[in-house]
């Protein structure tokens, strides 16, 4: 009886630790934009390029729209056209500052209490272009307020990504 209780207790404790560890974004500690103006960042962004990963695979015409809910939290509305299924896909999530709201270091969740790192590592003064690094070098997004981006800006932002350890060769960095 005591042995069964002990095993159940260990399983419950392990599950709780697993959930708690998943709630905190982990990974590379990128230098982020500071000062970061959350209000200027709000609105619609077009995904110009990304490192492809399973959640966005086969998506084209991807947008991310950030808005504030009634409680002042950031709501994230991601949309993209699934070229294989021939239909639009949407995912609603939330984002919040990791610590200092004046830093572009956020965490984003699309699945309850599970968060991932979202690091704004570059943004121009007018908040027209942004480079966002994930929690490690597997996740990267180049965003623009318009559907196109000047080649000069693309080059500067991709150079920044390379300096952070990202592989930005065209075979790896997919345009959307």
C-alpha atoms as a PDB file:
ATOM      1  CA  UNK A   1       0.000   0.000   0.000  1.00  0.00           C
ATOM      2  CA  UNK A   2       2.782   2.439   0.947  1.00  0.00           C
ATOM      3  CA  UNK A   3       4.697   1.519  -2.200  1.00  0.00           C
ATOM      4  CA  UNK A   4       1.666   2.275  -4.420  1.00  0.00           C
ATOM      5  CA  UNK A   5       1.118   5.602  -2.654  1.00  0.00           C
ATOM      6  CA  UNK A   6       4.791   6.473  -3.104  1.00  0.00           C
ATOM      7  CA  UNK A   7       4.716   5.666  -6.841  1.00  0.00           C
ATOM      8  CA  UNK A   8       1.526   7.690  -7.365  1.00  0.00           C
ATOM      9  CA  UNK A   9       3.004  10.626  -5.443  1.00  0.00           C
ATOM     10  CA  UNK A  10       6.171  10.532  -7.548  1.00  0.00           C
ATOM     11  CA  UNK A  11       4.143  10.417 -10.761  1.00  0.00           C
ATOM     12  CA  UNK A  12       2.007  13.375  -9.680  1.00  0.00           C
ATOM     13  CA  UNK A  13       5.079  15.375  -8.583  1.00  0.00           C
ATOM     14  CA  UNK A  14       6.829  14.607 -11.880  1.00  0.00           C
ATOM     15  CA  UNK A  15       3.769  15.691 -13.854  1.00  0.00           C
ATOM     16  CA  UNK A  16       3.522  18.956 -11.922  1.00  0.00           C
ATOM     17  CA  UNK A  17       7.230  19.677 -12.488  1.00  0.00           C
ATOM     18  CA  UNK A  18       6.861  18.910 -16.191  1.00  0.00           C
ATOM     19  CA  UNK A  19       3.921  21.316 -16.539  1.00  0.00           C
ATOM     20  CA  UNK A  20       5.693  24.046 -14.561  1.00  0.00           C
ATOM     21  CA  UNK A  21       8.860  23.720 -16.610  1.00  0.00           C
ATOM     22  CA  UNK A  22       6.850  23.932 -19.832  1.00  0.00           C
ATOM     23  CA  UNK A  23       5.271  27.190 -18.681  1.00  0.00           C
ATOM     24  CA  UNK A  24       8.602  29.047 -18.735  1.00  0.00           C
ATOM     25  CA  UNK A  25      10.228  29.821 -22.057  1.00  0.00           C
ATOM     26  CA  UNK A  26      13.723  28.420 -22.251  1.00  0.00           C
ATOM     27  CA  UNK A  27      16.557  28.760 -24.635  1.00  0.00           C
ATOM     28  CA  UNK A  28      19.050  31.208 -25.990  1.00  0.00           C
ATOM     29  CA  UNK A  29      19.220  34.552 -24.217  1.00  0.00           C
ATOM     30  CA  UNK A  30      19.020  36.925 -27.185  1.00  0.00           C
ATOM     31  CA  UNK A  31      19.722  40.635 -26.868  1.00  0.00           C
ATOM     32  CA  UNK A  32      16.342  42.221 -27.542  1.00  0.00           C
ATOM     33  CA  UNK A  33      15.015  45.639 -28.499  1.00  0.00           C
ATOM     34  CA  UNK A  34      15.085  48.054 -25.588  1.00  0.00           C
ATOM     35  CA  UNK A  35      13.218  50.307 -25.226  1.00  0.00           C
ATOM     36  CA  UNK A  36      10.368  48.321 -26.754  1.00  0.00           C
ATOM     37  CA  UNK A  37       7.021  50.053 -27.312  1.00  0.00           C
ATOM     38  CA  UNK A  38       4.303  47.433 -27.100  1.00  0.00           C
ATOM     39  CA  UNK A  39       1.682  49.877 -28.408  1.00  0.00           C
ATOM     40  CA  UNK A  40       3.692  50.616 -31.563  1.00  0.00           C
ATOM     41  CA  UNK A  41       4.133  46.871 -32.119  1.00  0.00           C
ATOM     42  CA  UNK A  42       0.368  46.243 -32.078  1.00  0.00           C
ATOM     43  CA  UNK A  43      -1.432  45.808 -35.383  1.00  0.00           C
ATOM     44  CA  UNK A  44      -1.019  43.641 -38.457  1.00  0.00           C
ATOM     45  CA  UNK A  45       2.332  42.229 -39.598  1.00  0.00           C
ATOM     46  CA  UNK A  46       3.043  40.273 -42.784  1.00  0.00           C
ATOM     47  CA  UNK A  47       5.439  37.372 -42.533  1.00  0.00           C
ATOM     48  CA  UNK A  48       8.067  37.979 -45.204  1.00  0.00           C
ATOM     49  CA  UNK A  49      10.270  34.988 -44.373  1.00  0.00           C
ATOM     50  CA  UNK A  50      10.666  32.397 -41.649  1.00  0.00           C
ATOM     51  CA  UNK A  51      12.566  29.318 -40.675  1.00  0.00           C
ATOM     52  CA  UNK A  52      10.001  26.653 -41.480  1.00  0.00           C
ATOM     53  CA  UNK A  53       8.777  24.453 -38.667  1.00  0.00           C
ATOM     54  CA  UNK A  54       5.910  22.010 -38.221  1.00  0.00           C
ATOM     55  CA  UNK A  55       3.205  24.452 -37.037  1.00  0.00           C
ATOM     56  CA  UNK A  56       3.591  26.680 -40.100  1.00  0.00           C
ATOM     57  CA  UNK A  57       4.599  24.100 -42.669  1.00  0.00           C
ATOM     58  CA  UNK A  58       2.864  24.620 -46.038  1.00  0.00           C
ATOM     59  CA  UNK A  59       1.433  27.992 -44.960  1.00  0.00           C
ATOM     60  CA  UNK A  60       1.586  30.955 -47.302  1.00  0.00           C
ATOM     61  CA  UNK A  61       0.348  34.554 -46.954  1.00  0.00           C
ATOM     62  CA  UNK A  62       0.902  34.401 -43.199  1.00  0.00           C
ATOM     63  CA  UNK A  63      -0.073  37.368 -41.036  1.00  0.00           C
ATOM     64  CA  UNK A  64       0.143  38.050 -37.333  1.00  0.00           C
ATOM     65  CA  UNK A  65      -2.152  40.628 -35.762  1.00  0.00           C
ATOM     66  CA  UNK A  66      -1.479  41.854 -32.236  1.00  0.00           C
ATOM     67  CA  UNK A  67      -4.137  43.666 -30.226  1.00  0.00           C
ATOM     68  CA  UNK A  68      -4.943  44.404 -26.606  1.00  0.00           C
ATOM     69  CA  UNK A  69      -7.836  42.675 -24.893  1.00  0.00           C
ATOM     70  CA  UNK A  70     -10.047  44.375 -22.281  1.00  0.00           C
ATOM     71  CA  UNK A  71      -7.549  43.518 -19.528  1.00  0.00           C
ATOM     72  CA  UNK A  72      -4.618  45.045 -21.436  1.00  0.00           C
ATOM     73  CA  UNK A  73      -3.073  41.708 -22.412  1.00  0.00           C
ATOM     74  CA  UNK A  74      -1.741  41.132 -25.929  1.00  0.00           C
ATOM     75  CA  UNK A  75      -3.877  38.889 -28.108  1.00  0.00           C
ATOM     76  CA  UNK A  76      -2.144  37.178 -31.046  1.00  0.00           C
ATOM     77  CA  UNK A  77      -4.123  36.232 -34.163  1.00  0.00           C
ATOM     78  CA  UNK A  78      -2.042  34.246 -36.669  1.00  0.00           C
ATOM     79  CA  UNK A  79      -3.484  33.352 -40.080  1.00  0.00           C
ATOM     80  CA  UNK A  80      -2.068  31.605 -43.104  1.00  0.00           C
ATOM     81  CA  UNK A  81      -3.197  29.802 -46.222  1.00  0.00           C
ATOM     82  CA  UNK A  82      -2.493  26.045 -46.163  1.00  0.00           C
ATOM     83  CA  UNK A  83      -1.377  25.345 -49.724  1.00  0.00           C
ATOM     84  CA  UNK A  84      -1.813  21.560 -49.363  1.00  0.00           C
ATOM     85  CA  UNK A  85      -5.298  21.622 -47.854  1.00  0.00           C
ATOM     86  CA  UNK A  86      -6.444  24.618 -49.881  1.00  0.00           C
ATOM     87  CA  UNK A  87      -7.893  26.495 -46.913  1.00  0.00           C
ATOM     88  CA  UNK A  88      -7.067  29.190 -44.386  1.00  0.00           C
ATOM     89  CA  UNK A  89      -5.718  28.225 -40.983  1.00  0.00           C
ATOM     90  CA  UNK A  90      -5.986  30.429 -37.892  1.00  0.00           C
ATOM     91  CA  UNK A  91      -4.500  30.253 -34.426  1.00  0.00           C
ATOM     92  CA  UNK A  92      -5.372  32.602 -31.541  1.00  0.00           C
ATOM     93  CA  UNK A  93      -2.948  33.033 -28.670  1.00  0.00           C
ATOM     94  CA  UNK A  94      -1.673  35.450 -26.086  1.00  0.00           C
ATOM     95  CA  UNK A  95       1.622  37.179 -25.410  1.00  0.00           C
ATOM     96  CA  UNK A  96       3.102  38.886 -22.395  1.00  0.00           C
ATOM     97  CA  UNK A  97       6.366  40.374 -21.241  1.00  0.00           C
ATOM     98  CA  UNK A  98       8.797  37.967 -19.652  1.00  0.00           C
ATOM     99  CA  UNK A  99       9.918  40.551 -17.091  1.00  0.00           C
ATOM    100  CA  UNK A 100      10.552  44.153 -18.133  1.00  0.00           C
ATOM    101  CA  UNK A 101       7.736  45.533 -20.343  1.00  0.00           C
ATOM    102  CA  UNK A 102      10.288  47.949 -21.870  1.00  0.00           C
ATOM    103  CA  UNK A 103      12.107  44.954 -23.417  1.00  0.00           C
ATOM    104  CA  UNK A 104      11.120  43.097 -26.569  1.00  0.00           C
ATOM    105  CA  UNK A 105      11.388  39.816 -24.642  1.00  0.00           C
ATOM    106  CA  UNK A 106       7.953  38.213 -24.675  1.00  0.00           C
ATOM    107  CA  UNK A 107       6.475  34.804 -24.240  1.00  0.00           C
ATOM    108  CA  UNK A 108       3.661  33.561 -26.445  1.00  0.00           C
ATOM    109  CA  UNK A 109       1.130  30.818 -25.853  1.00  0.00           C
ATOM    110  CA  UNK A 110      -1.313  29.127 -28.182  1.00  0.00           C
ATOM    111  CA  UNK A 111      -1.845  26.151 -25.875  1.00  0.00           C
ATOM    112  CA  UNK A 112      -3.044  27.070 -22.396  1.00  0.00           C
ATOM    113  CA  UNK A 113      -0.237  27.456 -19.889  1.00  0.00           C
ATOM    114  CA  UNK A 114       2.542  26.482 -22.335  1.00  0.00           C
ATOM    115  CA  UNK A 115       4.670  29.405 -23.477  1.00  0.00           C
ATOM    116  CA  UNK A 116       7.479  29.814 -25.992  1.00  0.00           C
ATOM    117  CA  UNK A 117      10.042  32.576 -26.269  1.00  0.00           C
ATOM    118  CA  UNK A 118       9.312  35.460 -28.638  1.00  0.00           C
ATOM    119  CA  UNK A 119      12.238  37.875 -28.846  1.00  0.00           C
ATOM    120  CA  UNK A 120      12.026  41.061 -30.892  1.00  0.00           C
ATOM    121  CA  UNK A 121      15.721  41.397 -31.750  1.00  0.00           C
ATOM    122  CA  UNK A 122      15.391  44.204 -34.306  1.00  0.00           C
ATOM    123  CA  UNK A 123      12.770  46.784 -35.191  1.00  0.00           C
ATOM    124  CA  UNK A 124      13.098  50.053 -37.074  1.00  0.00           C
ATOM    125  CA  UNK A 125      12.175  53.389 -35.459  1.00  0.00           C
ATOM    126  CA  UNK A 126       8.775  53.481 -37.166  1.00  0.00           C
ATOM    127  CA  UNK A 127       7.953  49.860 -36.293  1.00  0.00           C
ATOM    128  CA  UNK A 128       7.556  48.964 -39.985  1.00  0.00           C
ATOM    129  CA  UNK A 129       9.973  46.013 -40.003  1.00  0.00           C
ATOM    130  CA  UNK A 130      10.837  43.511 -37.299  1.00  0.00           C
ATOM    131  CA  UNK A 131      13.082  40.511 -36.789  1.00  0.00           C
ATOM    132  CA  UNK A 132      11.791  38.035 -34.222  1.00  0.00           C
ATOM    133  CA  UNK A 133      13.849  35.185 -32.765  1.00  0.00           C
ATOM    134  CA  UNK A 134      12.232  32.243 -31.054  1.00  0.00           C
ATOM    135  CA  UNK A 135      13.543  30.560 -27.956  1.00  0.00           C
ATOM    136  CA  UNK A 136      16.396  29.023 -29.949  1.00  0.00           C
ATOM    137  CA  UNK A 137      17.893  29.145 -33.439  1.00  0.00           C
ATOM    138  CA  UNK A 138      15.157  26.931 -34.899  1.00  0.00           C
ATOM    139  CA  UNK A 139      12.614  29.772 -34.919  1.00  0.00           C
ATOM    140  CA  UNK A 140      12.961  33.064 -36.804  1.00  0.00           C
ATOM    141  CA  UNK A 141      10.531  35.465 -38.469  1.00  0.00           C
ATOM    142  CA  UNK A 142      11.088  38.515 -40.661  1.00  0.00           C
ATOM    143  CA  UNK A 143       7.989  40.737 -40.460  1.00  0.00           C
ATOM    144  CA  UNK A 144       6.778  43.838 -42.258  1.00  0.00           C
ATOM    145  CA  UNK A 145       3.735  46.106 -42.086  1.00  0.00           C
ATOM    146  CA  UNK A 146       3.473  45.744 -45.864  1.00  0.00           C
ATOM    147  CA  UNK A 147       3.513  42.652 -48.075  1.00  0.00           C
ATOM    148  CA  UNK A 148       6.939  43.564 -49.428  1.00  0.00           C
ATOM    149  CA  UNK A 149      10.157  44.700 -47.836  1.00  0.00           C
ATOM    150  CA  UNK A 150      13.084  46.617 -49.370  1.00  0.00           C
ATOM    151  CA  UNK A 151      16.054  44.394 -50.231  1.00  0.00           C
ATOM    152  CA  UNK A 152      18.348  46.607 -48.159  1.00  0.00           C
ATOM    153  CA  UNK A 153      16.240  46.016 -45.021  1.00  0.00           C
ATOM    154  CA  UNK A 154      16.052  42.277 -45.751  1.00  0.00           C
ATOM    155  CA  UNK A 155      19.845  42.145 -46.057  1.00  0.00           C
ATOM    156  CA  UNK A 156      20.399  44.053 -42.808  1.00  0.00           C
ATOM    157  CA  UNK A 157      17.949  41.902 -40.850  1.00  0.00           C
ATOM    158  CA  UNK A 158      19.291  38.631 -42.263  1.00  0.00           C
ATOM    159  CA  UNK A 159      22.820  39.737 -41.377  1.00  0.00           C
ATOM    160  CA  UNK A 160      21.587  40.371 -37.828  1.00  0.00           C
ATOM    161  CA  UNK A 161      20.069  36.864 -37.796  1.00  0.00           C
ATOM    162  CA  UNK A 162      23.374  35.342 -38.975  1.00  0.00           C
ATOM    163  CA  UNK A 163      25.202  37.202 -36.191  1.00  0.00           C
ATOM    164  CA  UNK A 164      22.835  35.503 -33.722  1.00  0.00           C
ATOM    165  CA  UNK A 165      23.734  32.062 -35.088  1.00  0.00           C
ATOM    166  CA  UNK A 166      20.875  31.496 -37.554  1.00  0.00           C
ATOM    167  CA  UNK A 167      21.317  29.672 -40.852  1.00  0.00           C
ATOM    168  CA  UNK A 168      19.693  32.085 -43.305  1.00  0.00           C
ATOM    169  CA  UNK A 169      20.604  30.386 -46.562  1.00  0.00           C
ATOM    170  CA  UNK A 170      17.579  30.353 -48.921  1.00  0.00           C
ATOM    171  CA  UNK A 171      17.180  26.576 -48.556  1.00  0.00           C
ATOM    172  CA  UNK A 172      16.517  27.100 -44.839  1.00  0.00           C
ATOM    173  CA  UNK A 173      14.771  30.462 -44.771  1.00  0.00           C
ATOM    174  CA  UNK A 174      11.460  30.116 -46.582  1.00  0.00           C
ATOM    175  CA  UNK A 175       9.683  33.097 -47.982  1.00  0.00           C
ATOM    176  CA  UNK A 176       5.959  33.041 -47.320  1.00  0.00           C
END
